[in-house]
Amino acid sequence: MIQEANLLRTSMALNLAEPILGALYDLYVDALGATAGWWLGHITIIATVALSYWTITNWSSVTNGLGISDARFAAWLALLSLIGGQYLLYRDQFGFPETGAFLTATTTSLYLWWQWYQLEPQKA
């Protein structure tokens, strides 16, 4: 007996999470299965958009709460630049493997950061 093929698929869900999340979505699917991975991927996207919207609308509260100022922003930018510069130095000039170069650059930069902010002389 010949049966006709169903031209319309019964479950055809749009999957926005796979191209947006990439490897994270693959991790969800591998760990939880296709259906739970699909749901968790889309919940992750919605939560990220909601958190971004809340942060933008309450930016003054966020900056006050975290103590973000122009000087603090410049200090963090300098720290990231120091880490990046040391990473390139350790990897390219000294021949460190990538992980070792990153860990060495990060720990050295954080140590210098700690010295600058904790050991500087107090003002009278």
N, C-alpha and C. Protein backbone atom coordinates (compact mmCIF):
# COMPACT_ATOMS: atom_id res chain seq x y z
N MET A 1 0.84 -1.17 0.00
CA MET A 1 0.00 0.00 0.00
C MET A 1 0.90 1.24 0.00
N ILE A 2 0.61 2.18 -0.85
CA ILE A 2 1.39 3.39 -0.98
C ILE A 2 0.73 4.50 -0.18
N GLN A 3 1.54 5.17 0.65
CA GLN A 3 1.02 6.29 1.43
C GLN A 3 1.59 7.58 0.88
N GLU A 4 0.77 8.61 0.93
CA GLU A 4 1.24 9.91 0.47
C GLU A 4 2.13 10.54 1.53
N ALA A 5 3.16 11.22 1.07
CA ALA A 5 4.06 11.89 2.00
C ALA A 5 3.41 13.17 2.51
N ASN A 6 3.60 13.45 3.77
CA ASN A 6 3.08 14.68 4.36
C ASN A 6 4.02 15.81 3.96
N LEU A 7 3.51 16.74 3.15
CA LEU A 7 4.35 17.83 2.66
C LEU A 7 4.64 18.87 3.73
N LEU A 8 3.78 19.00 4.70
CA LEU A 8 3.98 19.96 5.78
C LEU A 8 4.48 19.22 7.02
N ARG A 9 5.58 19.67 7.55
CA ARG A 9 6.11 19.05 8.76
C ARG A 9 5.25 19.50 9.93
N THR A 10 5.00 18.59 10.85
CA THR A 10 4.13 18.93 11.98
C THR A 10 4.83 19.80 13.00
N SER A 11 6.11 19.65 13.18
CA SER A 11 6.82 20.50 14.13
C SER A 11 7.93 21.24 13.41
N MET A 12 7.70 22.49 13.17
CA MET A 12 8.67 23.29 12.43
C MET A 12 8.91 24.55 13.23
N ALA A 13 9.85 24.50 14.13
CA ALA A 13 10.13 25.63 15.01
C ALA A 13 11.31 26.42 14.48
N LEU A 14 11.17 27.73 14.52
CA LEU A 14 12.26 28.61 14.13
C LEU A 14 13.33 28.55 15.20
N ASN A 15 14.57 28.35 14.79
CA ASN A 15 15.66 28.22 15.75
C ASN A 15 16.60 29.41 15.62
N LEU A 16 16.36 30.46 16.39
CA LEU A 16 17.22 31.63 16.38
C LEU A 16 18.44 31.44 17.27
N ALA A 17 18.35 30.53 18.22
CA ALA A 17 19.42 30.37 19.19
C ALA A 17 20.68 29.76 18.57
N GLU A 18 20.52 28.87 17.62
CA GLU A 18 21.69 28.18 17.06
C GLU A 18 22.66 29.15 16.38
N PRO A 19 22.20 30.03 15.48
CA PRO A 19 23.18 30.93 14.86
C PRO A 19 23.68 32.03 15.79
N ILE A 20 22.87 32.42 16.77
CA ILE A 20 23.27 33.51 17.67
C ILE A 20 24.22 33.01 18.75
N LEU A 21 23.89 31.90 19.38
CA LEU A 21 24.71 31.40 20.50
C LEU A 21 25.88 30.53 20.05
N GLY A 22 25.77 29.91 18.91
CA GLY A 22 26.87 29.12 18.37
C GLY A 22 27.24 27.92 19.23
N ALA A 23 28.46 27.92 19.74
CA ALA A 23 28.96 26.77 20.51
C ALA A 23 28.21 26.58 21.82
N LEU A 24 27.71 27.66 22.40
CA LEU A 24 26.93 27.53 23.63
C LEU A 24 25.65 26.75 23.37
N TYR A 25 25.01 27.02 22.24
CA TYR A 25 23.80 26.27 21.87
C TYR A 25 24.13 24.80 21.67
N ASP A 26 25.24 24.52 21.00
CA ASP A 26 25.65 23.12 20.81
C ASP A 26 25.89 22.43 22.15
N LEU A 27 26.46 23.16 23.10
CA LEU A 27 26.66 22.61 24.44
C LEU A 27 25.33 22.28 25.10
N TYR A 28 24.36 23.19 24.97
CA TYR A 28 23.02 22.94 25.53
C TYR A 28 22.40 21.69 24.91
N VAL A 29 22.48 21.56 23.59
CA VAL A 29 21.86 20.42 22.91
C VAL A 29 22.57 19.12 23.28
N ASP A 30 23.88 19.15 23.33
CA ASP A 30 24.62 17.93 23.69
C ASP A 30 24.33 17.50 25.12
N ALA A 31 24.15 18.46 26.02
CA ALA A 31 23.94 18.12 27.43
C ALA A 31 22.49 17.78 27.73
N LEU A 32 21.55 18.48 27.09
CA LEU A 32 20.15 18.34 27.49
C LEU A 32 19.23 17.75 26.43
N GLY A 33 19.70 17.61 25.23
CA GLY A 33 18.84 17.13 24.15
C GLY A 33 18.33 18.29 23.31
N ALA A 34 17.74 17.97 22.17
CA ALA A 34 17.34 19.00 21.21
C ALA A 34 16.24 19.91 21.75
N THR A 35 15.21 19.35 22.36
CA THR A 35 14.09 20.17 22.82
C THR A 35 14.48 21.07 23.98
N ALA A 36 15.11 20.50 25.00
CA ALA A 36 15.51 21.31 26.15
C ALA A 36 16.60 22.32 25.75
N GLY A 37 17.48 21.94 24.84
CA GLY A 37 18.50 22.86 24.35
C GLY A 37 17.88 24.02 23.59
N TRP A 38 16.85 23.73 22.79
CA TRP A 38 16.13 24.79 22.06
C TRP A 38 15.51 25.77 23.04
N TRP A 39 14.82 25.25 24.05
CA TRP A 39 14.17 26.14 25.04
C TRP A 39 15.20 26.94 25.81
N LEU A 40 16.24 26.29 26.30
CA LEU A 40 17.25 26.98 27.09
C LEU A 40 18.01 28.01 26.24
N GLY A 41 18.25 27.70 24.99
CA GLY A 41 18.90 28.66 24.10
C GLY A 41 18.07 29.91 23.90
N HIS A 42 16.78 29.74 23.69
CA HIS A 42 15.91 30.90 23.49
C HIS A 42 15.68 31.67 24.79
N ILE A 43 15.63 30.98 25.90
CA ILE A 43 15.52 31.66 27.20
C ILE A 43 16.80 32.47 27.46
N THR A 44 17.95 31.93 27.07
CA THR A 44 19.21 32.66 27.22
C THR A 44 19.20 33.95 26.40
N ILE A 45 18.71 33.89 25.18
CA ILE A 45 18.63 35.08 24.34
C ILE A 45 17.68 36.11 24.94
N ILE A 46 16.51 35.68 25.38
CA ILE A 46 15.53 36.59 25.97
C ILE A 46 16.08 37.22 27.24
N ALA A 47 16.73 36.44 28.08
CA ALA A 47 17.30 36.96 29.32
C ALA A 47 18.42 37.96 29.03
N THR A 48 19.23 37.69 28.02
CA THR A 48 20.31 38.62 27.66
C THR A 48 19.76 39.94 27.16
N VAL A 49 18.72 39.88 26.33
CA VAL A 49 18.09 41.10 25.82
C VAL A 49 17.45 41.87 26.97
N ALA A 50 16.75 41.17 27.87
CA ALA A 50 16.10 41.84 29.00
C ALA A 50 17.13 42.49 29.93
N LEU A 51 18.21 41.79 30.22
CA LEU A 51 19.25 42.35 31.08
C LEU A 51 19.92 43.56 30.44
N SER A 52 20.17 43.48 29.14
CA SER A 52 20.75 44.61 28.42
C SER A 52 19.82 45.81 28.46
N TYR A 53 18.53 45.59 28.23
CA TYR A 53 17.55 46.68 28.26
C TYR A 53 17.49 47.31 29.65
N TRP A 54 17.47 46.47 30.69
CA TRP A 54 17.41 46.99 32.06
C TRP A 54 18.66 47.80 32.39
N THR A 55 19.82 47.31 31.96
CA THR A 55 21.07 48.03 32.21
C THR A 55 21.09 49.38 31.52
N ILE A 56 20.61 49.42 30.28
CA ILE A 56 20.60 50.69 29.54
C ILE A 56 19.62 51.67 30.18
N THR A 57 18.44 51.22 30.57
CA THR A 57 17.44 52.13 31.14
C THR A 57 17.82 52.60 32.55
N ASN A 58 18.60 51.82 33.27
CA ASN A 58 19.00 52.19 34.63
C ASN A 58 20.50 52.45 34.72
N TRP A 59 21.09 53.04 33.69
CA TRP A 59 22.52 53.22 33.63
C TRP A 59 23.05 54.06 34.79
N SER A 60 22.34 55.09 35.19
CA SER A 60 22.83 55.93 36.29
C SER A 60 22.89 55.13 37.60
N SER A 61 21.91 54.30 37.84
CA SER A 61 21.93 53.45 39.04
C SER A 61 23.06 52.43 38.97
N VAL A 62 23.29 51.88 37.80
CA VAL A 62 24.36 50.88 37.63
C VAL A 62 25.72 51.53 37.88
N THR A 63 25.95 52.72 37.31
CA THR A 63 27.24 53.37 37.50
C THR A 63 27.45 53.79 38.95
N ASN A 64 26.40 54.25 39.62
CA ASN A 64 26.52 54.60 41.04
C ASN A 64 26.77 53.36 41.88
N GLY A 65 26.06 52.30 41.62
CA GLY A 65 26.19 51.08 42.41
C GLY A 65 27.54 50.41 42.25
N LEU A 66 28.08 50.42 41.04
CA LEU A 66 29.38 49.79 40.80
C LEU A 66 30.55 50.74 40.97
N GLY A 67 30.25 52.01 41.21
CA GLY A 67 31.32 52.99 41.40
C GLY A 67 32.10 53.27 40.13
N ILE A 68 31.41 53.21 38.99
CA ILE A 68 32.08 53.45 37.71
C ILE A 68 32.19 54.95 37.50
N SER A 69 33.42 55.41 37.28
CA SER A 69 33.67 56.81 36.95
C SER A 69 34.63 56.84 35.77
N ASP A 70 34.92 58.03 35.28
CA ASP A 70 35.85 58.13 34.16
C ASP A 70 37.24 57.62 34.54
N ALA A 71 37.68 57.92 35.76
CA ALA A 71 39.00 57.46 36.21
C ALA A 71 39.02 55.95 36.35
N ARG A 72 37.96 55.37 36.87
CA ARG A 72 37.90 53.92 37.02
C ARG A 72 37.87 53.23 35.66
N PHE A 73 37.12 53.81 34.73
CA PHE A 73 37.05 53.25 33.38
C PHE A 73 38.43 53.28 32.72
N ALA A 74 39.14 54.39 32.87
CA ALA A 74 40.49 54.51 32.30
C ALA A 74 41.44 53.49 32.95
N ALA A 75 41.29 53.26 34.25
CA ALA A 75 42.14 52.28 34.94
C ALA A 75 41.87 50.87 34.43
N TRP A 76 40.61 50.51 34.23
CA TRP A 76 40.28 49.18 33.71
C TRP A 76 40.78 49.02 32.27
N LEU A 77 40.67 50.09 31.49
CA LEU A 77 41.17 50.04 30.12
C LEU A 77 42.69 49.85 30.11
N ALA A 78 43.37 50.53 31.04
CA ALA A 78 44.83 50.37 31.15
C ALA A 78 45.18 48.94 31.57
N LEU A 79 44.41 48.37 32.49
CA LEU A 79 44.67 46.99 32.92
C LEU A 79 44.50 46.01 31.77
N LEU A 80 43.43 46.16 31.00
CA LEU A 80 43.21 45.26 29.86
C LEU A 80 44.30 45.43 28.80
N SER A 81 44.74 46.66 28.59
CA SER A 81 45.83 46.90 27.64
C SER A 81 47.13 46.27 28.13
N LEU A 82 47.38 46.36 29.43
CA LEU A 82 48.57 45.75 30.01
C LEU A 82 48.54 44.23 29.86
N ILE A 83 47.38 43.63 30.10
CA ILE A 83 47.25 42.18 29.92
C ILE A 83 47.48 41.81 28.46
N GLY A 84 46.86 42.55 27.53
CA GLY A 84 47.02 42.25 26.11
C GLY A 84 48.46 42.40 25.64
N GLY A 85 49.11 43.46 26.09
CA GLY A 85 50.51 43.68 25.69
C GLY A 85 51.44 42.60 26.22
N GLN A 86 51.23 42.23 27.48
CA GLN A 86 52.07 41.18 28.06
C GLN A 86 51.80 39.84 27.40
N TYR A 87 50.54 39.58 27.07
CA TYR A 87 50.19 38.32 26.39
C TYR A 87 50.96 38.20 25.07
N LEU A 88 50.95 39.29 24.29
CA LEU A 88 51.68 39.27 23.02
C LEU A 88 53.18 39.12 23.24
N LEU A 89 53.71 39.79 24.26
CA LEU A 89 55.13 39.68 24.57
C LEU A 89 55.51 38.24 24.94
N TYR A 90 54.75 37.65 25.85
CA TYR A 90 55.08 36.30 26.31
C TYR A 90 54.91 35.27 25.19
N ARG A 91 53.87 35.43 24.38
CA ARG A 91 53.60 34.46 23.33
C ARG A 91 54.58 34.60 22.16
N ASP A 92 54.76 35.84 21.67
CA ASP A 92 55.56 36.02 20.46
C ASP A 92 57.06 36.08 20.72
N GLN A 93 57.46 36.79 21.77
CA GLN A 93 58.88 36.97 22.00
C GLN A 93 59.50 35.85 22.83
N PHE A 94 58.74 35.38 23.83
CA PHE A 94 59.31 34.36 24.73
C PHE A 94 58.89 32.94 24.38
N GLY A 95 57.96 32.78 23.44
CA GLY A 95 57.57 31.44 22.98
C GLY A 95 56.68 30.68 23.95
N PHE A 96 55.93 31.38 24.82
CA PHE A 96 55.02 30.69 25.72
C PHE A 96 53.86 30.10 24.91
N PRO A 97 53.27 29.00 25.37
CA PRO A 97 52.01 28.55 24.77
C PRO A 97 50.91 29.57 25.10
N GLU A 98 49.83 29.56 24.33
CA GLU A 98 48.81 30.59 24.48
C GLU A 98 48.21 30.63 25.88
N THR A 99 47.88 29.47 26.44
CA THR A 99 47.29 29.46 27.78
C THR A 99 48.28 29.96 28.81
N GLY A 100 49.51 29.51 28.73
CA GLY A 100 50.53 29.96 29.67
C GLY A 100 50.80 31.45 29.56
N ALA A 101 50.82 31.97 28.33
CA ALA A 101 51.04 33.40 28.13
C ALA A 101 49.89 34.21 28.72
N PHE A 102 48.67 33.74 28.52
CA PHE A 102 47.51 34.46 29.06
C PHE A 102 47.49 34.43 30.59
N LEU A 103 47.75 33.26 31.16
CA LEU A 103 47.75 33.16 32.63
C LEU A 103 48.87 33.98 33.25
N THR A 104 50.05 33.95 32.65
CA THR A 104 51.18 34.73 33.17
C THR A 104 50.91 36.22 33.05
N ALA A 105 50.38 36.65 31.90
CA ALA A 105 50.07 38.07 31.70
C ALA A 105 48.98 38.53 32.67
N THR A 106 47.96 37.71 32.86
CA THR A 106 46.86 38.09 33.75
C THR A 106 47.32 38.18 35.20
N THR A 107 48.05 37.18 35.67
CA THR A 107 48.48 37.22 37.07
C THR A 107 49.48 38.34 37.32
N THR A 108 50.39 38.57 36.38
CA THR A 108 51.35 39.67 36.55
C THR A 108 50.64 41.02 36.56
N SER A 109 49.70 41.21 35.65
CA SER A 109 48.96 42.47 35.59
C SER A 109 48.10 42.68 36.83
N LEU A 110 47.45 41.63 37.31
CA LEU A 110 46.64 41.77 38.52
C LEU A 110 47.50 42.05 39.74
N TYR A 111 48.70 41.47 39.78
CA TYR A 111 49.62 41.76 40.87
C TYR A 111 50.06 43.23 40.84
N LEU A 112 50.38 43.73 39.66
CA LEU A 112 50.74 45.14 39.54
C LEU A 112 49.56 46.04 39.89
N TRP A 113 48.36 45.64 39.50
CA TRP A 113 47.13 46.39 39.85
C TRP A 113 46.97 46.44 41.37
N TRP A 114 47.17 45.31 42.01
CA TRP A 114 47.04 45.26 43.47
C TRP A 114 48.08 46.15 44.13
N GLN A 115 49.33 46.08 43.63
CA GLN A 115 50.37 46.94 44.20
C GLN A 115 50.02 48.41 44.05
N TRP A 116 49.53 48.81 42.91
CA TRP A 116 49.23 50.21 42.65
C TRP A 116 48.13 50.72 43.58
N TYR A 117 47.07 49.93 43.76
CA TYR A 117 45.93 50.41 44.53
C TYR A 117 45.99 50.10 46.02
N GLN A 118 46.77 49.10 46.43
CA GLN A 118 46.82 48.76 47.84
C GLN A 118 48.06 49.31 48.53
N LEU A 119 49.16 49.44 47.83
CA LEU A 119 50.41 49.83 48.46
C LEU A 119 50.79 51.29 48.21
N GLU A 120 49.92 52.04 47.52
CA GLU A 120 50.25 53.44 47.30
C GLU A 120 50.16 54.20 48.62
N PRO A 121 50.95 55.24 48.81
CA PRO A 121 50.93 55.96 50.08
C PRO A 121 49.60 56.67 50.30
N GLN A 122 49.19 56.70 51.54
CA GLN A 122 47.94 57.36 51.91
C GLN A 122 48.16 58.86 52.00
N LYS A 123 47.16 59.61 51.60
CA LYS A 123 47.25 61.06 51.71
C LYS A 123 46.94 61.47 53.13
N ALA A 124 47.65 62.47 53.61
CA ALA A 124 47.49 62.93 55.00
C ALA A 124 46.24 63.73 55.21
